[in-house]
């Protein structure tokens, strides 16, 4: 059975969503297809999700390639070469890595701000924070429901310091 690669976009999404190794419909399967689909229908064998490619990355493939379709819903697919697969998977992985780097940089900034904020406040142990919250609730809410401020703890500060260290380590490994 001859197999080949396709790139797919699902529904009305313009950007590609998967690269799928496929096969043509067998003679037996073609018996259940309408005439128009007999030479278009393909079946997936191996799937690779892609998250970071755009239509522009694959525009020439869509314009010049042989269009096929998969069963089970609206989709658009085009046959691509083995070298296209390797190139697209590499590009998707690189864009994913770059997006991860940008996300980590934002997380690191958030952790640094949180650490600076917590370092500027009075910190409590968990037990002290619980006690302070209960006292506040008794005094201002008469023991009922109502606003109770958050009392920051040493544990929270340590949490953000650990998260910062992990994010910085992961960022260094990605660079």
N, C-alpha and C. Protein backbone atom coordinates (compact mmCIF):
# COMPACT_ATOMS: atom_id res chain seq x y z
N UNK A 1 0.84 -1.17 0.00
CA UNK A 1 0.00 0.00 0.00
C UNK A 1 0.89 1.24 0.00
N UNK A 2 0.67 2.11 -0.96
CA UNK A 2 1.46 3.33 -1.08
C UNK A 2 0.99 4.36 -0.06
N UNK A 3 1.95 4.95 0.64
CA UNK A 3 1.62 6.02 1.59
C UNK A 3 2.28 7.31 1.14
N UNK A 4 1.80 8.42 1.67
CA UNK A 4 2.31 9.74 1.31
C UNK A 4 1.95 10.68 2.45
N UNK A 5 2.52 11.86 2.43
CA UNK A 5 2.28 12.85 3.49
C UNK A 5 1.30 13.92 3.01
N UNK A 6 0.51 14.42 3.96
CA UNK A 6 -0.40 15.52 3.68
C UNK A 6 -0.26 16.56 4.78
N UNK A 7 -0.63 17.78 4.43
CA UNK A 7 -0.77 18.82 5.44
C UNK A 7 -2.24 19.19 5.47
N UNK A 8 -2.79 19.37 6.68
CA UNK A 8 -4.23 19.50 6.85
C UNK A 8 -4.57 20.77 7.61
N UNK A 9 -5.67 21.36 7.22
CA UNK A 9 -6.28 22.41 8.02
C UNK A 9 -7.73 22.00 8.23
N UNK A 10 -8.19 22.13 9.46
CA UNK A 10 -9.52 21.67 9.82
C UNK A 10 -10.52 22.82 9.83
N UNK A 11 -11.73 22.49 9.46
CA UNK A 11 -12.81 23.47 9.53
C UNK A 11 -12.49 24.71 8.73
N UNK A 12 -12.80 25.84 9.31
CA UNK A 12 -12.57 27.10 8.61
C UNK A 12 -11.27 27.77 9.06
N UNK A 13 -10.43 27.03 9.79
CA UNK A 13 -9.15 27.55 10.21
C UNK A 13 -8.22 27.60 9.01
N UNK A 14 -7.65 28.75 8.76
CA UNK A 14 -6.76 28.91 7.61
C UNK A 14 -5.40 28.28 7.88
N UNK A 15 -4.96 28.31 9.14
CA UNK A 15 -3.64 27.78 9.47
C UNK A 15 -3.66 26.25 9.51
N UNK A 16 -2.56 25.64 9.10
CA UNK A 16 -2.50 24.17 9.13
C UNK A 16 -2.50 23.65 10.57
N UNK A 17 -3.09 22.47 10.77
CA UNK A 17 -3.20 21.92 12.12
C UNK A 17 -2.48 20.59 12.29
N UNK A 18 -2.27 19.87 11.20
CA UNK A 18 -1.64 18.55 11.30
C UNK A 18 -0.87 18.22 10.03
N UNK A 19 0.12 17.38 10.21
CA UNK A 19 0.77 16.71 9.09
C UNK A 19 0.44 15.24 9.28
N UNK A 20 -0.16 14.64 8.26
CA UNK A 20 -0.64 13.27 8.39
C UNK A 20 -0.08 12.40 7.27
N UNK A 21 0.49 11.27 7.67
CA UNK A 21 0.86 10.24 6.69
C UNK A 21 -0.45 9.53 6.33
N UNK A 22 -0.70 9.36 5.04
CA UNK A 22 -1.99 8.84 4.61
C UNK A 22 -1.83 7.76 3.54
N UNK A 23 -2.98 7.13 3.26
CA UNK A 23 -3.06 6.14 2.19
C UNK A 23 -4.34 6.42 1.42
N UNK A 24 -4.37 5.99 0.16
CA UNK A 24 -5.57 6.13 -0.66
C UNK A 24 -6.63 5.15 -0.20
N UNK A 25 -7.86 5.44 -0.53
CA UNK A 25 -8.96 4.52 -0.24
C UNK A 25 -8.76 3.24 -1.06
N UNK A 26 -9.04 2.12 -0.43
CA UNK A 26 -8.95 0.83 -1.14
C UNK A 26 -10.14 0.68 -2.08
N UNK A 27 -10.07 -0.29 -2.98
CA UNK A 27 -11.20 -0.55 -3.89
C UNK A 27 -12.46 -0.85 -3.10
N UNK A 28 -12.33 -1.59 -2.02
CA UNK A 28 -13.48 -1.93 -1.17
C UNK A 28 -14.07 -0.66 -0.54
N UNK A 29 -13.21 0.23 -0.04
CA UNK A 29 -13.68 1.48 0.57
C UNK A 29 -14.32 2.39 -0.48
N UNK A 30 -13.79 2.38 -1.69
CA UNK A 30 -14.32 3.23 -2.76
C UNK A 30 -15.76 2.86 -3.11
N UNK A 31 -16.15 1.62 -2.87
CA UNK A 31 -17.52 1.19 -3.17
C UNK A 31 -18.55 1.98 -2.35
N UNK A 32 -18.13 2.46 -1.18
CA UNK A 32 -19.03 3.20 -0.30
C UNK A 32 -18.93 4.71 -0.46
N UNK A 33 -18.13 5.16 -1.41
CA UNK A 33 -17.93 6.59 -1.61
C UNK A 33 -18.70 7.08 -2.84
N UNK A 34 -19.10 8.33 -2.81
CA UNK A 34 -19.71 8.92 -3.99
C UNK A 34 -18.63 9.12 -5.05
N UNK A 35 -19.05 9.29 -6.28
CA UNK A 35 -18.12 9.38 -7.40
C UNK A 35 -17.06 10.46 -7.20
N UNK A 36 -17.47 11.60 -6.70
CA UNK A 36 -16.54 12.72 -6.54
C UNK A 36 -15.43 12.42 -5.53
N UNK A 37 -15.72 11.57 -4.54
CA UNK A 37 -14.73 11.30 -3.50
C UNK A 37 -13.84 10.09 -3.79
N UNK A 38 -14.15 9.31 -4.79
CA UNK A 38 -13.39 8.08 -5.06
C UNK A 38 -11.90 8.36 -5.26
N UNK A 39 -11.58 9.50 -5.89
CA UNK A 39 -10.17 9.82 -6.13
C UNK A 39 -9.63 10.91 -5.20
N UNK A 40 -10.44 11.29 -4.21
CA UNK A 40 -10.01 12.32 -3.26
C UNK A 40 -9.83 11.80 -1.84
N UNK A 41 -10.55 10.75 -1.48
CA UNK A 41 -10.60 10.28 -0.11
C UNK A 41 -9.31 9.56 0.26
N UNK A 42 -8.75 9.97 1.40
CA UNK A 42 -7.55 9.33 1.95
C UNK A 42 -7.79 9.03 3.42
N UNK A 43 -6.98 8.14 3.97
CA UNK A 43 -7.13 7.72 5.36
C UNK A 43 -5.80 7.89 6.08
N UNK A 44 -5.87 8.49 7.27
CA UNK A 44 -4.67 8.79 8.04
C UNK A 44 -4.07 7.56 8.70
N UNK A 45 -2.74 7.53 8.72
CA UNK A 45 -1.99 6.44 9.34
C UNK A 45 -1.17 6.95 10.52
N UNK A 46 -0.54 8.09 10.32
CA UNK A 46 0.37 8.66 11.33
C UNK A 46 0.11 10.16 11.40
N UNK A 47 -0.10 10.68 12.62
CA UNK A 47 -0.47 12.09 12.80
C UNK A 47 0.61 12.85 13.56
N UNK A 48 0.88 14.07 13.10
CA UNK A 48 1.78 14.99 13.80
C UNK A 48 1.06 16.33 13.93
N UNK A 49 0.70 16.69 15.16
CA UNK A 49 0.04 17.97 15.38
C UNK A 49 1.05 19.10 15.19
N UNK A 50 0.62 20.15 14.54
CA UNK A 50 1.45 21.34 14.40
C UNK A 50 0.69 22.53 14.97
N UNK A 51 1.39 23.34 15.76
CA UNK A 51 0.72 24.42 16.48
C UNK A 51 1.26 25.80 16.12
N UNK A 52 2.37 25.86 15.42
CA UNK A 52 3.06 27.14 15.28
C UNK A 52 3.26 27.59 13.85
N UNK A 53 2.58 26.96 12.90
CA UNK A 53 2.71 27.35 11.50
C UNK A 53 1.49 28.15 11.06
N UNK A 54 1.69 28.98 10.06
CA UNK A 54 0.61 29.80 9.52
C UNK A 54 0.36 29.41 8.07
N UNK A 55 -0.72 29.90 7.54
CA UNK A 55 -1.03 29.65 6.13
C UNK A 55 0.12 30.14 5.24
N UNK A 56 0.68 31.29 5.60
CA UNK A 56 1.76 31.86 4.79
C UNK A 56 2.96 30.92 4.70
N UNK A 57 3.20 30.14 5.74
CA UNK A 57 4.31 29.20 5.73
C UNK A 57 4.10 28.09 4.69
N UNK A 58 2.86 27.83 4.37
CA UNK A 58 2.53 26.68 3.50
C UNK A 58 1.74 27.09 2.26
N UNK A 59 1.64 28.38 2.01
CA UNK A 59 0.79 28.91 0.94
C UNK A 59 1.07 28.27 -0.42
N UNK A 60 2.34 28.13 -0.78
CA UNK A 60 2.67 27.55 -2.09
C UNK A 60 2.23 26.10 -2.19
N UNK A 61 2.27 25.38 -1.09
CA UNK A 61 1.83 23.98 -1.09
C UNK A 61 0.33 23.90 -1.36
N UNK A 62 -0.44 24.83 -0.74
CA UNK A 62 -1.90 24.82 -0.92
C UNK A 62 -2.26 25.21 -2.34
N UNK A 63 -1.53 26.15 -2.91
CA UNK A 63 -1.87 26.62 -4.25
C UNK A 63 -1.52 25.60 -5.32
N UNK A 64 -0.38 24.92 -5.16
CA UNK A 64 0.09 24.06 -6.24
C UNK A 64 -0.05 22.58 -6.01
N UNK A 65 -0.50 22.18 -4.83
CA UNK A 65 -0.53 20.75 -4.51
C UNK A 65 -1.81 20.05 -4.90
N UNK A 66 -1.77 18.73 -4.81
CA UNK A 66 -2.96 17.91 -5.07
C UNK A 66 -3.81 17.87 -3.80
N UNK A 67 -5.03 18.35 -3.91
CA UNK A 67 -5.93 18.40 -2.76
C UNK A 67 -6.63 17.06 -2.59
N UNK A 68 -6.72 16.65 -1.33
CA UNK A 68 -7.39 15.40 -0.94
C UNK A 68 -8.24 15.69 0.28
N UNK A 69 -9.02 14.72 0.72
CA UNK A 69 -9.79 14.94 1.94
C UNK A 69 -9.85 13.67 2.77
N UNK A 70 -10.03 13.86 4.07
CA UNK A 70 -10.15 12.78 5.03
C UNK A 70 -11.61 12.63 5.41
N UNK A 71 -12.04 11.44 5.78
CA UNK A 71 -13.43 11.27 6.21
C UNK A 71 -13.68 11.93 7.57
N UNK A 72 -14.93 12.22 7.84
CA UNK A 72 -15.29 12.67 9.18
C UNK A 72 -15.31 14.14 9.40
N UNK A 73 -15.75 14.91 8.45
CA UNK A 73 -15.88 16.33 8.72
C UNK A 73 -15.20 17.18 7.68
N UNK A 74 -15.38 18.48 7.83
CA UNK A 74 -14.81 19.42 6.88
C UNK A 74 -13.32 19.56 7.15
N UNK A 75 -12.55 19.32 6.16
CA UNK A 75 -11.11 19.54 6.25
C UNK A 75 -10.57 19.76 4.86
N UNK A 76 -9.40 20.33 4.79
CA UNK A 76 -8.73 20.54 3.52
C UNK A 76 -7.32 20.01 3.70
N UNK A 77 -6.88 19.22 2.76
CA UNK A 77 -5.55 18.63 2.85
C UNK A 77 -4.91 18.66 1.47
N UNK A 78 -3.60 18.70 1.48
CA UNK A 78 -2.85 18.68 0.24
C UNK A 78 -1.66 17.75 0.42
N UNK A 79 -1.31 17.04 -0.63
CA UNK A 79 -0.18 16.11 -0.60
C UNK A 79 1.11 16.92 -0.61
N UNK A 80 2.06 16.53 0.26
CA UNK A 80 3.36 17.21 0.32
C UNK A 80 4.48 16.16 0.28
N UNK A 81 5.69 16.62 0.02
CA UNK A 81 6.84 15.72 -0.10
C UNK A 81 7.46 15.40 1.25
N UNK A 82 8.29 14.38 1.29
CA UNK A 82 9.02 14.02 2.51
C UNK A 82 9.88 15.18 2.99
N UNK A 83 10.52 15.87 2.04
CA UNK A 83 11.38 16.99 2.44
C UNK A 83 10.54 18.15 3.00
N UNK A 84 9.32 18.34 2.46
CA UNK A 84 8.42 19.36 3.03
C UNK A 84 8.06 19.02 4.47
N UNK A 85 7.81 17.74 4.73
CA UNK A 85 7.46 17.29 6.08
C UNK A 85 8.59 17.64 7.04
N UNK A 86 9.81 17.27 6.67
CA UNK A 86 10.95 17.54 7.54
C UNK A 86 11.11 19.04 7.79
N UNK A 87 10.98 19.83 6.75
CA UNK A 87 11.11 21.28 6.88
C UNK A 87 10.03 21.87 7.77
N UNK A 88 8.79 21.45 7.55
CA UNK A 88 7.68 22.00 8.33
C UNK A 88 7.74 21.58 9.79
N UNK A 89 8.09 20.34 10.06
CA UNK A 89 8.20 19.89 11.45
C UNK A 89 9.32 20.63 12.17
N UNK A 90 10.42 20.86 11.47
CA UNK A 90 11.54 21.61 12.04
C UNK A 90 11.12 23.06 12.34
N UNK A 91 10.43 23.69 11.38
CA UNK A 91 9.98 25.06 11.56
C UNK A 91 8.97 25.16 12.70
N UNK A 92 8.05 24.21 12.78
CA UNK A 92 7.06 24.19 13.86
C UNK A 92 7.75 24.06 15.22
N UNK A 93 8.73 23.17 15.31
CA UNK A 93 9.46 22.97 16.57
C UNK A 93 10.23 24.23 16.96
N UNK A 94 10.86 24.87 16.00
CA UNK A 94 11.64 26.09 16.28
C UNK A 94 10.72 27.22 16.75
N UNK A 95 9.60 27.38 16.07
CA UNK A 95 8.65 28.42 16.48
C UNK A 95 8.08 28.11 17.87
N UNK A 96 7.85 26.84 18.15
CA UNK A 96 7.38 26.44 19.48
C UNK A 96 8.41 26.76 20.54
N UNK A 97 9.68 26.51 20.22
CA UNK A 97 10.77 26.81 21.15
C UNK A 97 10.84 28.32 21.41
N UNK A 98 10.74 29.11 20.35
CA UNK A 98 10.79 30.57 20.51
C UNK A 98 9.60 31.09 21.32
N UNK A 99 8.43 30.52 21.11
CA UNK A 99 7.25 30.91 21.88
C UNK A 99 7.44 30.55 23.35
N UNK A 100 8.03 29.39 23.60
CA UNK A 100 8.30 28.96 24.98
C UNK A 100 9.28 29.91 25.65
N UNK A 101 10.30 30.34 24.91
CA UNK A 101 11.28 31.30 25.45
C UNK A 101 10.58 32.60 25.83
N UNK A 102 9.73 33.12 24.94
CA UNK A 102 9.01 34.36 25.24
C UNK A 102 8.10 34.20 26.46
N UNK A 103 7.43 33.07 26.54
CA UNK A 103 6.56 32.79 27.68
C UNK A 103 7.37 32.72 28.98
N UNK A 104 8.51 32.05 28.93
CA UNK A 104 9.36 31.96 30.13
C UNK A 104 9.86 33.33 30.56
N UNK A 105 10.22 34.17 29.61
CA UNK A 105 10.67 35.53 29.95
C UNK A 105 9.57 36.30 30.68
N UNK A 106 8.34 36.16 30.21
CA UNK A 106 7.21 36.83 30.87
C UNK A 106 6.99 36.26 32.27
N UNK A 107 7.08 34.93 32.39
CA UNK A 107 6.93 34.31 33.71
C UNK A 107 8.01 34.79 34.67
N UNK A 108 9.24 34.86 34.19
CA UNK A 108 10.35 35.31 35.03
C UNK A 108 10.10 36.73 35.53
N UNK A 109 9.63 37.60 34.66
CA UNK A 109 9.32 38.98 35.08
C UNK A 109 8.21 38.99 36.14
N UNK A 110 7.20 38.15 35.94
CA UNK A 110 6.12 38.07 36.92
C UNK A 110 6.64 37.57 38.26
N UNK A 111 7.46 36.54 38.24
CA UNK A 111 8.02 36.00 39.49
C UNK A 111 8.89 37.04 40.19
N UNK A 112 9.68 37.79 39.44
CA UNK A 112 10.53 38.82 40.04
C UNK A 112 9.68 39.91 40.69
N UNK A 113 8.60 40.31 40.03
CA UNK A 113 7.71 41.32 40.60
C UNK A 113 7.04 40.80 41.87
N UNK A 114 6.62 39.56 41.84
CA UNK A 114 5.97 38.95 43.01
C UNK A 114 6.96 38.86 44.17
N UNK A 115 8.19 38.48 43.88
CA UNK A 115 9.21 38.39 44.93
C UNK A 115 9.50 39.77 45.52
N UNK A 116 9.61 40.78 44.65
CA UNK A 116 9.85 42.15 45.14
C UNK A 116 8.67 42.62 45.99
N UNK A 117 7.46 42.33 45.55
CA UNK A 117 6.27 42.73 46.30
C UNK A 117 6.24 42.05 47.67
N UNK A 118 6.43 40.74 47.68
CA UNK A 118 6.40 40.00 48.95
C UNK A 118 7.54 40.40 49.88
N UNK A 119 8.68 40.70 49.30
CA UNK A 119 9.84 41.09 50.11
C UNK A 119 9.63 42.45 50.77
N UNK A 120 8.72 43.25 50.23
CA UNK A 120 8.47 44.58 50.79
C UNK A 120 7.39 44.56 51.86
N UNK A 121 6.77 43.41 52.07
CA UNK A 121 5.66 43.31 53.02
C UNK A 121 6.07 42.56 54.28
N UNK A 122 5.24 42.69 55.29
CA UNK A 122 5.41 41.85 56.47
C UNK A 122 4.94 40.45 56.08
N UNK A 123 5.76 39.47 56.36
CA UNK A 123 5.40 38.09 56.04
C UNK A 123 5.06 37.33 57.32
N UNK A 124 4.23 36.33 57.15
CA UNK A 124 3.75 35.53 58.27
C UNK A 124 4.05 34.05 58.00
N UNK A 125 4.07 33.28 59.07
CA UNK A 125 4.05 31.83 58.88
C UNK A 125 2.61 31.50 58.51
N UNK A 126 2.36 30.29 58.08
CA UNK A 126 0.98 29.92 57.73
C UNK A 126 0.06 30.04 58.94
N UNK A 127 0.53 29.58 60.08
CA UNK A 127 -0.28 29.65 61.30
C UNK A 127 -0.56 31.10 61.67
N UNK A 128 0.44 31.97 61.58
CA UNK A 128 0.27 33.38 61.90
C UNK A 128 -0.72 34.04 60.93
N UNK A 129 -0.63 33.68 59.66
CA UNK A 129 -1.54 34.25 58.66
C UNK A 129 -2.98 33.83 58.94
N UNK A 130 -3.16 32.58 59.28
CA UNK A 130 -4.49 32.06 59.62
C UNK A 130 -5.05 32.80 60.83
N UNK A 131 -4.22 32.97 61.85
CA UNK A 131 -4.64 33.66 63.07
C UNK A 131 -4.99 35.12 62.78
N UNK A 132 -4.16 35.81 62.00
CA UNK A 132 -4.41 37.21 61.66
C UNK A 132 -5.71 37.35 60.87
N UNK A 133 -5.96 36.43 59.95
CA UNK A 133 -7.20 36.46 59.16
C UNK A 133 -8.42 36.25 60.06
N UNK A 134 -8.30 35.33 61.01
CA UNK A 134 -9.41 35.07 61.92
C UNK A 134 -9.68 36.30 62.80
N UNK A 135 -8.62 36.94 63.30
CA UNK A 135 -8.79 38.14 64.13
C UNK A 135 -9.45 39.26 63.33
N UNK A 136 -8.99 39.47 62.10
CA UNK A 136 -9.58 40.50 61.24
C UNK A 136 -11.06 40.22 61.03
N UNK A 137 -11.38 38.96 60.73
CA UNK A 137 -12.77 38.58 60.47
C UNK A 137 -13.63 38.83 61.70
N UNK A 138 -13.12 38.49 62.85
CA UNK A 138 -13.87 38.72 64.11
C UNK A 138 -14.11 40.21 64.32
N UNK A 139 -13.08 41.00 64.13
CA UNK A 139 -13.16 42.44 64.42
C UNK A 139 -14.03 43.18 63.40
N UNK A 140 -13.81 42.95 62.12
CA UNK A 140 -14.48 43.75 61.10
C UNK A 140 -15.73 43.11 60.49
N UNK A 141 -15.85 41.81 60.59
CA UNK A 141 -17.01 41.11 60.03
C UNK A 141 -17.86 40.44 61.11
N UNK A 142 -17.52 40.71 62.35
CA UNK A 142 -18.22 40.15 63.49
C UNK A 142 -18.33 38.63 63.39
N UNK A 143 -17.28 38.02 62.84
CA UNK A 143 -17.23 36.57 62.75
C UNK A 143 -18.03 35.99 61.60
N UNK A 144 -18.70 36.83 60.84
CA UNK A 144 -19.52 36.36 59.72
C UNK A 144 -18.74 36.38 58.42
N UNK A 145 -19.49 36.45 57.33
CA UNK A 145 -18.85 36.50 56.02
C UNK A 145 -18.55 37.94 55.66
N UNK A 146 -17.48 38.13 54.93
CA UNK A 146 -17.10 39.45 54.48
C UNK A 146 -15.66 39.46 54.02
N UNK A 147 -15.20 40.64 53.66
CA UNK A 147 -13.84 40.78 53.17
C UNK A 147 -12.83 40.45 54.26
N UNK A 148 -11.82 39.66 53.90
CA UNK A 148 -10.69 39.37 54.78
C UNK A 148 -9.44 39.52 53.92
N UNK A 149 -8.52 40.41 54.31
CA UNK A 149 -7.32 40.60 53.48
C UNK A 149 -6.44 39.34 53.47
N UNK A 150 -5.64 39.27 52.44
CA UNK A 150 -4.69 38.15 52.33
C UNK A 150 -3.43 38.51 53.12
N UNK A 151 -3.00 37.61 53.95
CA UNK A 151 -1.77 37.79 54.71
C UNK A 151 -0.70 36.92 54.06
N UNK A 152 0.28 37.58 53.47
CA UNK A 152 1.34 36.88 52.72
C UNK A 152 2.24 36.08 53.65
N UNK A 153 2.70 34.94 53.16
CA UNK A 153 3.50 34.05 54.00
C UNK A 153 4.90 33.85 53.44
N UNK A 154 5.76 33.38 54.31
CA UNK A 154 7.12 33.01 53.89
C UNK A 154 7.06 31.90 52.83
N UNK A 155 6.07 31.03 52.97
CA UNK A 155 5.91 29.92 52.02
C UNK A 155 5.67 30.45 50.61
N UNK A 156 4.86 31.50 50.49
CA UNK A 156 4.60 32.09 49.18
C UNK A 156 5.88 32.67 48.58
N UNK A 157 6.64 33.36 49.40
CA UNK A 157 7.91 33.92 48.93
C UNK A 157 8.83 32.81 48.44
N UNK A 158 8.94 31.74 49.19
CA UNK A 158 9.79 30.62 48.77
C UNK A 158 9.28 29.97 47.49
N UNK A 159 7.97 29.88 47.38
CA UNK A 159 7.37 29.31 46.17
C UNK A 159 7.81 30.11 44.95
N UNK A 160 7.69 31.44 45.00
CA UNK A 160 8.07 32.26 43.85
C UNK A 160 9.56 32.22 43.59
N UNK A 161 10.37 32.13 44.62
CA UNK A 161 11.81 32.00 44.42
C UNK A 161 12.14 30.69 43.71
N UNK A 162 11.47 29.61 44.11
CA UNK A 162 11.69 28.31 43.46
C UNK A 162 11.21 28.32 42.01
N UNK A 163 10.04 28.91 41.78
CA UNK A 163 9.51 29.00 40.42
C UNK A 163 10.44 29.83 39.54
N UNK A 164 10.96 30.92 40.08
CA UNK A 164 11.90 31.76 39.35
C UNK A 164 13.15 30.96 38.97
N UNK A 165 13.70 30.23 39.91
CA UNK A 165 14.90 29.44 39.65
C UNK A 165 14.64 28.39 38.56
N UNK A 166 13.49 27.72 38.64
CA UNK A 166 13.15 26.71 37.63
C UNK A 166 12.95 27.33 36.26
N UNK A 167 12.27 28.47 36.19
CA UNK A 167 12.04 29.14 34.91
C UNK A 167 13.36 29.63 34.30
N UNK A 168 14.23 30.17 35.13
CA UNK A 168 15.54 30.64 34.62
C UNK A 168 16.37 29.47 34.13
N UNK A 169 16.31 28.35 34.83
CA UNK A 169 17.05 27.15 34.39
C UNK A 169 16.49 26.65 33.06
N UNK A 170 15.19 26.57 32.94
CA UNK A 170 14.57 26.10 31.70
C UNK A 170 14.88 27.05 30.55
N UNK A 171 14.86 28.34 30.81
CA UNK A 171 15.19 29.33 29.78
C UNK A 171 16.63 29.14 29.30
N UNK A 172 17.52 28.94 30.22
CA UNK A 172 18.93 28.73 29.87
C UNK A 172 19.11 27.49 29.01
N UNK A 173 18.37 26.44 29.33
CA UNK A 173 18.46 25.19 28.55
C UNK A 173 17.91 25.36 27.13
N UNK A 174 16.93 26.24 26.96
CA UNK A 174 16.32 26.46 25.64
C UNK A 174 17.16 27.36 24.74
N UNK A 175 18.01 28.17 25.34
CA UNK A 175 18.81 29.11 24.53
C UNK A 175 19.91 28.44 23.78
